[in-house]
Amino acid sequence: MSLRVAVVGCGTVGSQVVRLLTTQVEDLSARVGDRLELVGVADLNREAVIAQGVDPALVTDDAADLVTRADIVVELIGGAEPARRFMLAAMASGASVVTANKALLAADGPTLYDAAAAAGVDLYYEAAVAGAIPVVRVVREGMHGDQVKRVLGIVNGTTNYVLDTMASSDLDLERAVKDAQRLGYAEADPTADVEGHDAAAKAALLASMAFHSRVCLADVSCEGIGGVTADDVAWAARTGHVVKLLAVAERLDAGISVRVHPALVPLTHPLASVRGALNAVFIEAEHAGPIMLYGQGAGGEPTASAVVSDVVSAARNRVTGGQGPRESAYANVPVLPPEAAVSRFQVRMDVADRTGVLAKISAALADADVSIESVRQNPSPGPRGLAHLVITTHGATEAARVATIAALERLDVVDTVVSVLRVEGDML
């Protein structure tokens, strides 16, 4: 008796999943130990799916019916509804679910985890974080014998391409985004990528798995790359850094800090070498030390590869009578407010070019309990009589960073605070 597989959503990723399930069926079935049978493909645009070469007998626009007739349901339509309704119906009918729906998992994962546990079925979502890179398996299963201290991730290929292009081709943000759109790396509306929302959903999932606690999208402090300038990127190189949009999840004494923001990454850190639209996740563990996973984070074929791997895992569990990993939220560590996050930061400002200026600035930082790591002074590109000062601090809370910038802007010796960027990537 074969294992019935249904695919809901046949877009860029879904079409590749269908292709793999049909052209590689013999090999996949051998890995499972029983035959995989694709029993249906649901999509509202039935004609477009058939035009892709899918057997018309398999294509339906009635996803609600299809999900109740399968052993494994692959959900690839995205968004909250009707995806959640289809997944819950599938589980209630006894089907395991494979999804790439990071937004729904980050916003309402507990509902899905609880439904899977109640029905005794599996919920797999490798493709929801970093595409083809097996990050979920490593964090969710491979780190059982260790304590994760921090996760740093370049988990959005669009923004990584944009920032890399700004650095390599001397483009401003707008032109780099248009270049990404031309090449198909960015959507016509790149808001979710540029504003960091896509990365924030993935950060919530990574934090939940790494720290065995429920972290939802609302817990993630999010800042996109919209404020990053060509000047920021150029100065990053001068100070031995590169600008990356990072998802950061770390365990502090009082709880978990989860955030997404552009950051200066030292050129000596492995994440600094991640170019183009590639993704990478850097894990720092108590005993294993640093681990980096690197590869294709998006695209039809790479993402489909991760989806089909989950299908094989869920199917094998059906054959052997086993079960996949359940949600692990036993630690129940509190998520800290954004102002509790700790990082170094670099502030660039135009200041009066005269004696006593640095003393006033140092006093303002000291009043905010922020210590200076390094100071660099260059001629200002602005009016005569000004100098361009670049100060990098030691680690400080986000609250202290905000207080510092406010204090600097009030000083009569500071003409303009040009830029403030956090510095991430110090090895713990």
Protein backbone atom coordinates (compact mmCIF):
# COMPACT_ATOMS: atom_id res chain seq x y z
CA MET A 1 0.00 0.00 0.00
CA SER A 2 1.47 3.36 -1.04
CA LEU A 3 1.77 6.58 0.96
CA ARG A 4 -0.43 9.31 -0.46
CA VAL A 5 1.12 12.77 -0.87
CA ALA A 6 -0.86 15.94 -1.64
CA VAL A 7 0.62 19.30 -2.59
CA VAL A 8 -1.31 22.49 -1.87
CA GLY A 9 0.06 25.47 -3.80
CA CYS A 10 1.92 24.99 -7.08
CA GLY A 11 3.91 28.17 -7.54
CA THR A 12 7.68 28.55 -7.83
CA VAL A 13 8.45 26.06 -5.06
CA GLY A 14 5.38 23.85 -5.39
CA SER A 15 5.99 23.17 -9.07
CA GLN A 16 9.51 21.99 -8.28
CA VAL A 17 8.24 19.79 -5.45
CA VAL A 18 5.77 18.16 -7.85
CA ARG A 19 8.55 17.62 -10.38
CA LEU A 20 10.80 15.93 -7.81
CA LEU A 21 7.98 13.76 -6.48
CA THR A 22 7.19 12.52 -9.99
CA THR A 23 10.63 12.24 -11.61
CA GLN A 24 12.46 10.90 -8.54
CA VAL A 25 9.68 8.71 -7.20
CA GLU A 26 11.61 5.42 -7.40
CA ASP A 27 14.63 6.74 -5.52
CA LEU A 28 12.53 8.56 -2.94
CA SER A 29 10.35 5.51 -2.36
CA ALA A 30 13.45 3.38 -1.79
CA ARG A 31 14.60 5.79 0.91
CA VAL A 32 11.18 5.69 2.56
CA GLY A 33 10.71 1.94 2.42
CA ASP A 34 7.31 2.21 0.74
CA ARG A 35 6.00 3.78 -2.43
CA LEU A 36 5.19 7.49 -2.49
CA GLU A 37 2.17 8.34 -4.60
CA LEU A 38 1.29 11.90 -5.56
CA VAL A 39 -2.51 11.91 -5.31
CA GLY A 40 -3.30 15.55 -5.96
CA VAL A 41 -2.08 19.10 -6.55
CA ALA A 42 -4.36 21.90 -5.38
CA ASP A 43 -4.13 25.42 -6.79
CA LEU A 44 -6.71 28.08 -7.58
CA ASN A 45 -5.14 28.55 -11.03
CA ARG A 46 -5.78 25.04 -12.33
CA GLU A 47 -4.96 25.92 -15.94
CA ALA A 48 -1.54 27.34 -15.04
CA VAL A 49 -0.62 24.15 -13.16
CA ILE A 50 -1.66 21.94 -16.06
CA ALA A 51 0.36 24.19 -18.39
CA GLN A 52 3.44 23.26 -16.32
CA GLY A 53 3.02 19.66 -17.42
CA VAL A 54 1.24 18.30 -14.34
CA ASP A 55 -1.20 15.47 -15.06
CA PRO A 56 -4.66 17.12 -15.30
CA ALA A 57 -6.16 14.20 -13.40
CA LEU A 58 -4.11 15.27 -10.35
CA VAL A 59 -5.00 18.97 -10.43
CA THR A 60 -7.85 20.40 -8.36
CA ASP A 61 -8.95 23.74 -6.99
CA ASP A 62 -10.57 22.07 -3.95
CA ALA A 63 -7.73 22.03 -1.41
CA ALA A 64 -10.13 21.47 1.49
CA ASP A 65 -11.15 18.11 0.05
CA LEU A 66 -7.66 17.08 -1.08
CA VAL A 67 -6.01 17.48 2.34
CA THR A 68 -8.40 14.94 3.86
CA ARG A 69 -7.39 12.25 1.32
CA ALA A 70 -3.64 12.14 1.94
CA ASP A 71 -1.12 10.69 4.36
CA ILE A 72 1.27 13.63 3.91
CA VAL A 73 0.16 17.14 2.97
CA VAL A 74 2.66 19.67 1.61
CA GLU A 75 1.44 23.24 2.22
CA LEU A 76 3.11 25.85 -0.01
CA ILE A 77 0.53 28.60 -0.42
CA GLY A 78 1.94 30.74 2.42
CA GLY A 79 0.23 33.36 4.53
CA ALA A 80 -2.10 32.80 7.46
CA GLU A 81 -5.42 31.79 5.90
CA PRO A 82 -6.46 29.52 4.33
CA ALA A 83 -3.09 27.81 4.95
CA ARG A 84 -3.73 27.35 8.67
CA ARG A 85 -7.21 25.93 8.01
CA PHE A 86 -5.87 23.43 5.46
CA MET A 87 -3.04 22.30 7.74
CA LEU A 88 -5.34 21.83 10.73
CA ALA A 89 -7.81 19.89 8.59
CA ALA A 90 -5.04 17.67 7.29
CA MET A 91 -3.82 16.90 10.81
CA ALA A 92 -7.34 16.22 12.04
CA SER A 93 -7.66 13.71 9.21
CA GLY A 94 -4.48 11.96 10.32
CA ALA A 95 -2.04 13.44 7.80
CA SER A 96 1.44 14.67 8.59
CA VAL A 97 2.19 18.17 7.31
CA VAL A 98 5.24 19.60 5.57
CA THR A 99 5.33 23.37 5.14
CA ALA A 100 7.61 26.27 4.25
CA ASN A 101 5.24 28.80 5.84
CA LYS A 102 7.59 30.77 8.09
CA ALA A 103 5.13 33.63 8.59
CA LEU A 104 2.38 31.37 9.97
CA LEU A 105 4.78 29.33 12.11
CA ALA A 106 6.28 32.50 13.60
CA ALA A 107 2.89 34.09 14.25
CA ASP A 108 0.89 31.06 15.41
CA GLY A 109 3.21 28.07 15.61
CA PRO A 110 1.85 26.78 18.94
CA THR A 111 -1.58 26.15 17.38
CA LEU A 112 0.01 23.94 14.75
CA TYR A 113 2.40 22.19 17.16
CA ASP A 114 -0.46 21.40 19.54
CA ALA A 115 -2.67 20.11 16.71
CA ALA A 116 0.11 17.83 15.44
CA ALA A 117 0.73 16.46 18.94
CA ALA A 118 -2.98 15.88 19.55
CA ALA A 119 -3.37 14.00 16.26
CA GLY A 120 -0.12 12.04 16.66
CA VAL A 121 1.23 13.29 13.31
CA ASP A 122 4.39 15.08 12.23
CA LEU A 123 4.94 18.76 11.44
CA TYR A 124 8.09 19.42 9.42
CA TYR A 125 9.27 22.85 8.24
CA GLU A 126 12.91 22.71 7.14
CA ALA A 127 12.26 24.98 4.17
CA ALA A 128 10.83 27.74 6.38
CA VAL A 129 14.32 28.89 7.42
CA ALA A 130 17.18 29.39 4.92
CA GLY A 131 15.80 27.30 2.07
CA ALA A 132 18.00 24.31 1.24
CA ILE A 133 20.32 24.76 4.23
CA PRO A 134 19.45 22.11 6.88
CA VAL A 135 19.35 24.66 9.69
CA VAL A 136 16.15 23.39 11.31
CA ARG A 137 17.48 19.83 11.60
CA VAL A 138 20.76 20.99 13.07
CA VAL A 139 19.23 23.35 15.65
CA ARG A 140 16.15 21.26 16.44
CA GLU A 141 17.85 17.83 16.55
CA GLY A 142 21.62 18.13 16.15
CA MET A 143 22.13 20.34 19.22
CA HIS A 144 20.26 18.16 21.74
CA GLY A 145 23.48 17.44 23.62
CA ASP A 146 24.61 21.04 23.87
CA GLN A 147 23.53 24.52 24.95
CA VAL A 148 23.19 27.11 22.21
CA LYS A 149 24.40 30.50 23.33
CA ARG A 150 23.86 32.60 20.23
CA VAL A 151 22.67 32.33 16.64
CA LEU A 152 23.59 34.89 13.99
CA GLY A 153 21.92 34.49 10.64
CA ILE A 154 22.01 35.97 7.17
CA VAL A 155 18.61 34.52 6.37
CA ASN A 156 17.32 36.80 3.62
CA GLY A 157 19.06 36.44 0.27
CA THR A 158 17.51 39.57 -1.22
CA THR A 159 18.95 41.96 1.35
CA ASN A 160 22.29 40.16 1.33
CA TYR A 161 22.48 40.61 -2.43
CA VAL A 162 21.49 44.28 -2.15
CA LEU A 163 24.10 45.08 0.53
CA ASP A 164 26.78 43.09 -1.28
CA THR A 165 26.03 44.91 -4.52
CA MET A 166 26.16 48.28 -2.77
CA ALA A 167 29.65 47.36 -1.54
CA SER A 168 31.02 45.81 -4.73
CA SER A 169 29.45 48.11 -7.33
CA ASP A 170 29.27 51.39 -5.40
CA LEU A 171 25.49 51.65 -5.77
CA ASP A 172 22.98 53.32 -3.48
CA LEU A 173 20.18 51.29 -1.93
CA GLU A 174 17.50 52.15 -4.49
CA ARG A 175 19.66 51.17 -7.47
CA ALA A 176 20.83 47.96 -5.77
CA VAL A 177 17.22 46.94 -5.07
CA LYS A 178 16.29 47.55 -8.71
CA ASP A 179 19.24 45.38 -9.76
CA ALA A 180 17.99 42.62 -7.44
CA GLN A 181 14.52 42.90 -8.98
CA ARG A 182 15.97 42.70 -12.49
CA LEU A 183 17.72 39.44 -11.60
CA GLY A 184 14.69 37.96 -9.86
CA TYR A 185 16.17 38.10 -6.34
CA ALA A 186 13.66 40.73 -5.19
CA GLU A 187 9.89 40.83 -5.63
CA ALA A 188 8.14 43.68 -7.41
CA ASP A 189 7.23 44.84 -3.89
CA PRO A 190 10.41 44.20 -1.86
CA THR A 191 8.95 45.55 1.40
CA ALA A 192 8.99 42.27 3.35
CA ASP A 193 12.66 41.80 2.56
CA VAL A 194 13.96 45.38 2.81
CA GLU A 195 12.09 46.14 6.04
CA GLY A 196 13.30 42.90 7.64
CA HIS A 197 9.92 41.20 8.15
CA ASP A 198 10.95 38.01 6.34
CA ALA A 199 14.12 37.73 8.43
CA ALA A 200 12.18 38.45 11.63
CA ALA A 201 9.88 35.46 11.10
CA LYS A 202 12.91 33.23 10.64
CA ALA A 203 14.58 34.73 13.71
CA ALA A 204 11.55 33.78 15.81
CA LEU A 205 11.74 30.18 14.60
CA LEU A 206 15.48 29.97 15.21
CA ALA A 207 15.16 31.38 18.72
CA SER A 208 12.30 29.02 19.59
CA MET A 209 14.33 25.98 18.56
CA ALA A 210 17.68 27.13 19.93
CA PHE A 211 16.42 28.06 23.39
CA HIS A 212 13.52 25.59 23.80
CA SER A 213 11.04 28.40 24.39
CA ARG A 214 8.09 29.83 22.53
CA VAL A 215 9.18 32.93 20.64
CA CYS A 216 6.70 34.54 18.27
CA LEU A 217 7.05 37.18 15.59
CA ALA A 218 5.79 39.92 17.93
CA ASP A 219 8.77 39.23 20.22
CA VAL A 220 11.31 40.13 17.53
CA SER A 221 12.70 43.65 17.39
CA CYS A 222 12.91 44.45 13.68
CA GLU A 223 14.79 47.10 11.71
CA GLY A 224 15.37 46.78 7.97
CA ILE A 225 18.04 48.12 5.65
CA GLY A 226 16.06 51.13 4.42
CA GLY A 227 18.34 53.54 6.29
CA VAL A 228 21.63 52.05 5.07
CA THR A 229 23.48 54.42 2.74
CA ALA A 230 26.30 53.98 0.26
CA ASP A 231 28.40 56.04 2.66
CA ASP A 232 27.69 53.54 5.46
CA VAL A 233 28.85 50.67 3.26
CA ALA A 234 31.99 52.52 2.22
CA TRP A 235 32.89 53.41 5.80
CA ALA A 236 32.30 49.82 6.86
CA ALA A 237 35.11 48.73 4.57
CA ARG A 238 37.42 51.45 5.91
CA THR A 239 36.94 50.25 9.46
CA GLY A 240 37.37 46.56 8.64
CA HIS A 241 33.69 45.58 8.45
CA VAL A 242 30.93 44.69 6.01
CA VAL A 243 27.25 45.57 6.42
CA LYS A 244 24.84 42.63 6.73
CA LEU A 245 21.19 42.31 7.72
CA LEU A 246 21.43 39.92 10.66
CA ALA A 247 18.92 37.85 12.56
CA VAL A 248 20.31 37.62 16.09
CA ALA A 249 19.04 35.30 18.81
CA GLU A 250 21.07 35.03 22.00
CA ARG A 251 20.71 33.87 25.56
CA LEU A 252 21.51 36.56 28.11
CA ASP A 253 21.46 36.19 31.89
CA ALA A 254 17.92 37.51 32.20
CA GLY A 255 16.38 35.88 29.14
CA ILE A 256 16.39 35.72 25.35
CA SER A 257 17.17 38.63 23.03
CA VAL A 258 15.82 38.27 19.48
CA ARG A 259 16.32 40.98 16.90
CA VAL A 260 16.83 41.76 13.22
CA HIS A 261 18.83 44.77 12.10
CA PRO A 262 21.65 45.87 9.81
CA ALA A 263 25.00 45.41 11.48
CA LEU A 264 28.70 45.86 10.91
CA VAL A 265 30.31 42.42 10.80
CA PRO A 266 34.12 42.25 11.19
CA LEU A 267 35.88 41.02 8.07
CA THR A 268 37.49 38.32 10.22
CA HIS A 269 34.10 36.72 10.97
CA PRO A 270 32.93 33.87 8.68
CA LEU A 271 29.61 35.62 7.97
CA ALA A 272 31.46 38.53 6.36
CA SER A 273 32.38 36.32 3.39
CA VAL A 274 28.78 35.36 2.54
CA ARG A 275 28.21 37.01 -0.81
CA GLY A 276 25.36 37.58 -3.22
CA ALA A 277 21.97 36.01 -2.47
CA LEU A 278 23.40 33.21 -0.34
CA ASN A 279 22.32 32.56 3.25
CA ALA A 280 24.31 31.44 6.27
CA VAL A 281 23.60 30.69 9.91
CA PHE A 282 26.36 30.87 12.51
CA ILE A 283 25.72 28.98 15.74
CA GLU A 284 27.74 29.41 18.92
CA ALA A 285 27.33 26.51 21.35
CA GLU A 286 28.64 25.86 24.84
CA HIS A 287 30.59 22.71 23.99
CA ALA A 288 30.63 22.38 20.20
CA GLY A 289 31.85 25.94 19.73
CA PRO A 290 31.17 27.78 16.46
CA ILE A 291 29.26 26.05 13.65
CA MET A 292 28.35 27.67 10.33
CA LEU A 293 25.82 26.42 7.77
CA TYR A 294 25.98 28.05 4.35
CA GLY A 295 24.21 27.73 1.01
CA GLN A 296 21.19 28.58 -1.12
CA GLY A 297 18.51 30.18 1.00
CA ALA A 298 15.79 30.63 -1.60
CA GLY A 299 14.72 29.66 -5.10
CA GLY A 300 12.41 26.98 -6.44
CA GLU A 301 14.79 24.05 -6.70
CA PRO A 302 16.82 24.57 -3.49
CA THR A 303 13.69 25.13 -1.39
CA ALA A 304 11.94 22.17 -3.01
CA SER A 305 14.91 20.01 -2.07
CA ALA A 306 14.33 20.84 1.61
CA VAL A 307 10.58 20.25 1.29
CA VAL A 308 11.03 16.83 -0.31
CA SER A 309 13.58 15.87 2.36
CA ASP A 310 10.86 16.56 4.93
CA VAL A 311 8.38 14.49 2.93
CA VAL A 312 10.81 11.55 3.02
CA SER A 313 11.28 11.95 6.79
CA ALA A 314 7.53 12.10 7.45
CA ALA A 315 6.90 9.14 5.15
CA ARG A 316 9.63 7.05 6.76
CA ASN A 317 8.07 7.70 10.17
CA ARG A 318 4.80 6.34 8.78
CA VAL A 319 6.53 3.18 7.61
CA THR A 320 8.52 2.55 10.80
CA GLY A 321 5.86 3.70 13.25
CA GLY A 322 8.13 6.45 14.54
CA GLN A 323 7.50 10.15 15.04
CA GLY A 324 9.42 13.26 14.14
CA PRO A 325 10.61 15.81 16.69
CA ARG A 326 7.95 17.60 18.69
CA GLU A 327 7.99 21.21 19.78
CA SER A 328 10.51 21.68 22.59
CA ALA A 329 9.43 24.57 24.82
CA TYR A 330 10.31 23.13 28.22
CA ALA A 331 12.76 25.90 29.14
CA ASN A 332 10.14 28.66 28.88
CA VAL A 333 12.82 31.36 29.00
CA PRO A 334 11.38 34.90 28.94
CA VAL A 335 11.94 37.05 25.88
CA LEU A 336 13.56 40.35 26.81
CA PRO A 337 12.30 43.73 25.60
CA PRO A 338 14.28 45.37 22.77
CA GLU A 339 16.03 47.83 25.09
CA ALA A 340 17.74 44.95 26.94
CA ALA A 341 19.65 43.74 23.86
CA VAL A 342 23.43 44.13 24.13
CA SER A 343 25.77 44.98 21.26
CA ARG A 344 28.68 47.18 20.34
CA PHE A 345 27.90 50.09 18.07
CA GLN A 346 29.69 52.48 15.78
CA VAL A 347 28.63 56.11 15.55
CA ARG A 348 29.84 58.50 12.88
CA MET A 349 29.42 62.24 13.40
CA ASP A 350 30.61 65.58 12.14
CA VAL A 351 32.02 67.58 15.05
CA ALA A 352 33.74 70.89 15.66
CA ASP A 353 37.43 70.58 14.81
CA ARG A 354 38.88 72.07 17.98
CA THR A 355 40.36 71.05 21.30
CA GLY A 356 38.11 69.67 24.04
CA VAL A 357 35.59 68.09 21.69
CA LEU A 358 36.57 64.50 22.41
CA ALA A 359 36.45 65.14 26.15
CA LYS A 360 32.83 66.34 25.92
CA ILE A 361 31.87 63.37 23.75
CA SER A 362 33.61 60.91 26.08
CA ALA A 363 31.76 62.40 29.05
CA ALA A 364 28.41 62.01 27.26
CA LEU A 365 29.14 58.35 26.61
CA ALA A 366 30.29 57.79 30.18
CA ASP A 367 27.08 59.34 31.52
CA ALA A 368 25.16 56.69 29.52
CA ASP A 369 27.46 53.96 30.90
CA VAL A 370 29.01 53.32 27.49
CA SER A 371 32.77 52.85 27.11
CA ILE A 372 34.79 53.68 24.00
CA GLU A 373 36.75 50.96 22.21
CA SER A 374 38.28 53.06 19.43
CA VAL A 375 38.22 56.55 17.94
CA ARG A 376 39.09 57.55 14.40
CA GLN A 377 39.14 61.12 13.07
CA ASN A 378 39.11 62.17 9.43
CA PRO A 379 38.53 65.44 7.62
CA SER A 380 34.80 66.07 7.25
CA PRO A 381 33.33 66.17 3.73
CA GLY A 382 31.07 68.95 5.03
CA PRO A 383 31.78 72.61 5.78
CA ARG A 384 35.24 73.74 6.88
CA GLY A 385 35.86 73.73 10.58
CA LEU A 386 34.37 70.27 11.06
CA ALA A 387 35.97 66.86 11.55
CA HIS A 388 34.45 63.43 10.89
CA LEU A 389 34.65 61.32 14.03
CA VAL A 390 34.10 57.53 14.07
CA ILE A 391 33.65 56.02 17.52
CA THR A 392 33.24 52.29 18.15
CA THR A 393 32.04 51.30 21.60
CA HIS A 394 32.26 48.25 23.79
CA GLY A 395 29.07 46.28 24.39
CA ALA A 396 26.13 48.29 25.70
CA THR A 397 22.40 47.80 26.03
CA GLU A 398 20.03 49.12 23.41
CA ALA A 399 18.66 51.52 26.02
CA ALA A 400 22.18 52.89 26.60
CA ARG A 401 22.73 53.20 22.85
CA VAL A 402 19.56 55.26 22.43
CA ALA A 403 20.47 57.46 25.41
CA THR A 404 23.97 57.97 24.03
CA ILE A 405 22.79 59.16 20.63
CA ALA A 406 20.28 61.52 22.21
CA ALA A 407 23.02 62.98 24.42
CA LEU A 408 25.41 63.41 21.48
CA GLU A 409 22.79 65.23 19.44
CA ARG A 410 22.38 67.72 22.27
CA LEU A 411 26.08 68.61 22.45
CA ASP A 412 27.03 71.98 21.00
CA VAL A 413 30.26 70.47 19.59
CA VAL A 414 28.36 67.90 17.49
CA ASP A 415 27.14 69.27 14.18
CA THR A 416 25.48 66.07 12.89
CA VAL A 417 25.19 62.45 13.96
CA VAL A 418 25.62 60.97 10.49
CA SER A 419 25.13 57.26 11.15
CA VAL A 420 24.73 54.69 13.93
CA LEU A 421 25.21 50.98 13.23
CA ARG A 422 25.46 48.08 15.64
CA VAL A 423 28.52 45.85 15.52
CA GLU A 424 27.85 42.09 15.72
CA GLY A 425 30.04 39.05 15.34
CA ASP A 426 32.34 39.09 18.35
CA MET A 427 33.09 35.51 19.30
CA LEU A 428 31.72 34.57 22.71
